Amino acid sequence: MENTPQNTALLVMDMQTTILGILPSSETIKGNVATAIAYARKTNIPVIYVVVGFRQGGPEISMNNKGFAASKSRFEGISMEAFLKVDPSVAPLEGEIIVTKRRVSAFTGSDLEVVLRSKGIQHVVLTGIATSGVVLSTIREASDKDYRITVIADCCADGDEEVHRVLTTKVFPRQADVVTLEEWAR
C-alpha cells in the first residue's frame, strides 16, 4: 500500500499518559506508535494528535452518556491540563496539530474534520487506545465521511486482548485496511 504524504495523515489517538495507565503494559504500544510517528515524519506524512478532554469539572459530560458519566466525579478532581498531556514517548513536536475531542470518536466535538479538509487529507491512518473505543468509533465515523482508512493493528491496544483481536481481524476489515506496523512503514 502506498502512503502519499499529499493526502494521508497519521492520527495518534488518546495516547495520553493517564489513559495509557488502563493497559496492563503500555511499553509495546508506546514503542510501536513512536516508530509509526518517526516513519510518518520521515516521509512527510502529517502527524495529528487527538486527545480526549473536557473543561475543568466536565460540564460537557451528560449523565445520559454511560461511559463518561461514570467518570465525571473523577474528572472534577483532576487538572484537565495534566489529563490532556500526550505521553512523552510519543509526544508531538512543535507545530504538530493537537485536536481535542469531547466524546469517543476523534470527530465528535472536535475540529478534526476541518483540519483534515484544510490539508486535503482523504486517507487517515489510525493508531491509539482503546481499540474498542476511539479506534472503533473513529473508523465508523470516518467511513461515513468517505475517508480512506488504514488501521495499524499493532499500534492499537485494548484492555481486552480478545476484543482487540476480533475487531482488527473481523470487524475493521469491512471498512478499513488493517495492516501491521512493518507492512505500513515499508
Protein backbone atom coordinates (compact mmCIF):
# COMPACT_ATOMS: atom_id res chain seq x y z
CA MET A 1 0.00 0.00 0.00
CA GLU A 2 1.43 3.34 -0.99
CA ASN A 3 1.37 6.18 1.51
CA THR A 4 1.15 9.52 -0.23
CA PRO A 5 2.02 12.43 2.04
CA GLN A 6 -0.17 14.75 -0.04
CA ASN A 7 -3.43 13.16 1.10
CA THR A 8 -2.55 10.98 4.11
CA ALA A 9 -2.34 11.78 7.83
CA LEU A 10 -1.34 9.63 10.77
CA LEU A 11 -3.75 10.04 13.70
CA VAL A 12 -2.29 9.36 17.15
CA MET A 13 -5.37 8.99 19.33
CA ASP A 14 -5.81 9.07 23.12
CA MET A 15 -2.14 8.38 23.81
CA GLN A 16 -2.40 10.39 27.00
CA THR A 17 -0.30 9.27 29.96
CA THR A 18 -3.38 8.89 32.15
CA ILE A 19 -5.22 6.77 29.57
CA LEU A 20 -2.18 4.56 28.93
CA GLY A 21 -2.47 3.62 32.60
CA ILE A 22 -5.54 1.46 31.82
CA LEU A 23 -3.35 -1.05 29.99
CA PRO A 24 -1.54 -3.75 31.95
CA SER A 25 1.59 -2.89 29.98
CA SER A 26 1.91 0.05 27.62
CA GLU A 27 5.56 -0.25 26.62
CA THR A 28 4.88 -2.20 23.41
CA ILE A 29 2.21 0.14 22.07
CA LYS A 30 4.24 3.22 23.01
CA GLY A 31 7.25 1.83 21.14
CA ASN A 32 5.19 0.85 18.09
CA VAL A 33 3.38 4.19 17.91
CA ALA A 34 6.70 6.03 18.30
CA THR A 35 8.04 4.04 15.33
CA ALA A 36 4.95 4.88 13.24
CA ILE A 37 5.33 8.56 14.13
CA ALA A 38 9.02 8.52 13.16
CA TYR A 39 8.16 6.90 9.81
CA ALA A 40 5.40 9.43 9.12
CA ARG A 41 7.67 12.35 9.92
CA LYS A 42 10.47 10.91 7.76
CA THR A 43 8.09 10.54 4.80
CA ASN A 44 6.37 13.91 5.32
CA ILE A 45 3.03 12.41 6.36
CA PRO A 46 1.42 14.84 8.82
CA VAL A 47 1.02 13.54 12.36
CA ILE A 48 -2.17 14.76 14.03
CA TYR A 49 -2.73 14.10 17.71
CA VAL A 50 -6.23 13.55 19.06
CA VAL A 51 -6.83 13.78 22.81
CA VAL A 52 -9.98 13.45 24.84
CA GLY A 53 -10.66 16.19 27.32
CA PHE A 54 -13.17 18.48 28.91
CA ARG A 55 -13.35 21.84 30.57
CA GLN A 56 -12.47 21.77 34.24
CA GLY A 57 -15.23 19.86 36.04
CA GLY A 58 -16.51 18.22 32.82
CA PRO A 59 -19.56 20.37 32.06
CA GLU A 60 -19.78 18.69 28.63
CA ILE A 61 -20.41 15.31 30.24
CA SER A 62 -24.07 14.32 30.12
CA MET A 63 -25.41 11.95 32.73
CA ASN A 64 -27.08 10.17 29.78
CA ASN A 65 -23.62 9.17 28.48
CA LYS A 66 -22.99 5.97 30.41
CA GLY A 67 -19.26 5.81 29.68
CA PHE A 68 -18.31 9.37 30.53
CA ALA A 69 -20.90 9.87 33.30
CA ALA A 70 -19.25 7.06 35.29
CA SER A 71 -16.01 9.09 35.30
CA LYS A 72 -17.47 12.57 35.80
CA SER A 73 -16.73 12.74 39.52
CA ARG A 74 -13.14 11.68 38.85
CA PHE A 75 -12.77 14.46 36.26
CA GLU A 76 -13.95 17.05 38.78
CA GLY A 77 -10.93 16.42 40.98
CA ILE A 78 -8.13 16.39 38.40
CA SER A 79 -6.33 19.01 36.39
CA MET A 80 -7.60 18.84 32.81
CA GLU A 81 -4.30 20.36 31.66
CA ALA A 82 -2.46 17.37 33.14
CA PHE A 83 -5.06 14.90 31.83
CA LEU A 84 -4.63 16.21 28.26
CA LYS A 85 -0.86 15.59 28.20
CA VAL A 86 0.29 13.18 25.49
CA ASP A 87 2.74 10.61 26.83
CA PRO A 88 6.34 11.86 26.42
CA SER A 89 7.32 8.70 24.49
CA VAL A 90 5.05 9.76 21.59
CA ALA A 91 4.78 13.50 22.23
CA PRO A 92 4.09 15.98 19.43
CA LEU A 93 6.79 18.19 18.01
CA GLU A 94 6.44 21.94 17.96
CA GLY A 95 3.88 22.83 15.31
CA GLU A 96 2.18 19.43 15.12
CA ILE A 97 -1.59 19.68 15.49
CA ILE A 98 -3.38 18.53 18.65
CA VAL A 99 -7.15 18.14 18.36
CA THR A 100 -9.28 17.88 21.50
CA LYS A 101 -12.42 15.78 21.25
CA ARG A 102 -15.28 15.64 23.72
CA ARG A 103 -16.51 12.11 23.04
CA VAL A 104 -15.14 8.72 21.96
CA SER A 105 -14.80 9.32 18.19
CA ALA A 106 -11.94 11.55 17.07
CA PHE A 107 -14.51 13.59 15.13
CA THR A 108 -17.19 14.19 17.78
CA GLY A 109 -16.88 17.53 19.49
CA SER A 110 -13.61 18.37 17.73
CA ASP A 111 -12.43 20.29 14.70
CA LEU A 112 -10.66 17.24 13.21
CA GLU A 113 -12.73 17.24 10.03
CA VAL A 114 -11.97 20.93 9.42
CA VAL A 115 -8.24 20.25 9.92
CA LEU A 116 -8.28 17.25 7.56
CA ARG A 117 -10.17 19.17 4.86
CA SER A 118 -7.86 22.17 5.12
CA LYS A 119 -4.88 19.87 4.50
CA GLY A 120 -6.57 17.93 1.68
CA ILE A 121 -6.42 14.70 3.69
CA GLN A 122 -8.52 11.88 2.27
CA HIS A 123 -6.72 8.93 3.91
CA VAL A 124 -6.42 8.56 7.68
CA VAL A 125 -4.08 6.07 9.32
CA LEU A 126 -5.24 5.21 12.83
CA THR A 127 -3.24 4.41 15.95
CA GLY A 128 -4.17 4.62 19.62
CA ILE A 129 -6.10 3.26 22.54
CA ALA A 130 -8.53 1.78 23.03
CA THR A 131 -9.25 -0.38 20.01
CA SER A 132 -12.85 -0.79 21.22
CA GLY A 133 -13.15 2.94 21.92
CA VAL A 134 -11.59 5.70 19.87
CA VAL A 135 -10.36 3.41 17.07
CA LEU A 136 -13.72 1.70 16.52
CA SER A 137 -15.73 4.93 16.78
CA THR A 138 -13.35 6.84 14.51
CA ILE A 139 -13.42 4.11 11.85
CA ARG A 140 -17.21 4.17 11.80
CA GLU A 141 -17.42 7.96 11.51
CA ALA A 142 -14.51 8.28 9.05
CA SER A 143 -16.15 5.66 6.85
CA ASP A 144 -19.44 7.56 6.90
CA LYS A 145 -17.49 10.68 5.89
CA ASP A 146 -15.91 8.78 2.94
CA TYR A 147 -12.30 8.79 4.15
CA ARG A 148 -9.96 6.01 3.13
CA ILE A 149 -8.92 4.31 6.37
CA THR A 150 -5.92 2.26 7.42
CA VAL A 151 -5.56 0.80 10.91
CA ILE A 152 -2.12 -0.19 12.13
CA ALA A 153 -3.20 -3.12 14.29
CA ASP A 154 -0.08 -3.32 16.43
CA CYS A 155 -0.24 0.43 17.05
CA CYS A 156 -3.63 -0.01 18.73
CA ALA A 157 -4.36 -1.67 22.05
CA ASP A 158 -7.29 -2.52 24.25
CA GLY A 159 -7.65 -3.63 27.85
CA ASP A 160 -9.18 -6.84 26.46
CA GLU A 161 -6.88 -8.67 24.02
CA GLU A 162 -9.73 -10.78 22.62
CA VAL A 163 -11.79 -7.68 21.81
CA HIS A 164 -8.74 -6.20 20.05
CA ARG A 165 -8.25 -9.39 18.04
CA VAL A 166 -11.90 -9.65 16.98
CA LEU A 167 -12.08 -6.00 15.97
CA THR A 168 -8.84 -5.99 13.98
CA THR A 169 -9.41 -9.33 12.25
CA LYS A 170 -13.18 -9.49 11.77
CA VAL A 171 -14.84 -6.07 12.17
CA PHE A 172 -12.40 -3.39 10.96
CA PRO A 173 -11.59 -5.03 7.59
CA ARG A 174 -15.16 -4.27 6.48
CA GLN A 175 -14.37 -0.54 6.45
CA ALA A 176 -10.59 -0.22 6.65
CA ASP A 177 -7.33 -1.73 5.54
CA VAL A 178 -5.78 -3.40 8.58
CA VAL A 179 -2.01 -3.72 8.47
CA THR A 180 0.94 -4.26 10.78
CA LEU A 181 3.46 -1.55 11.53
CA GLU A 182 6.01 -3.42 9.44
CA GLU A 183 3.64 -3.52 6.45
CA TRP A 184 2.78 0.18 6.77
CA ALA A 185 6.30 1.50 7.29
CA ARG A 186 7.89 -0.08 4.22
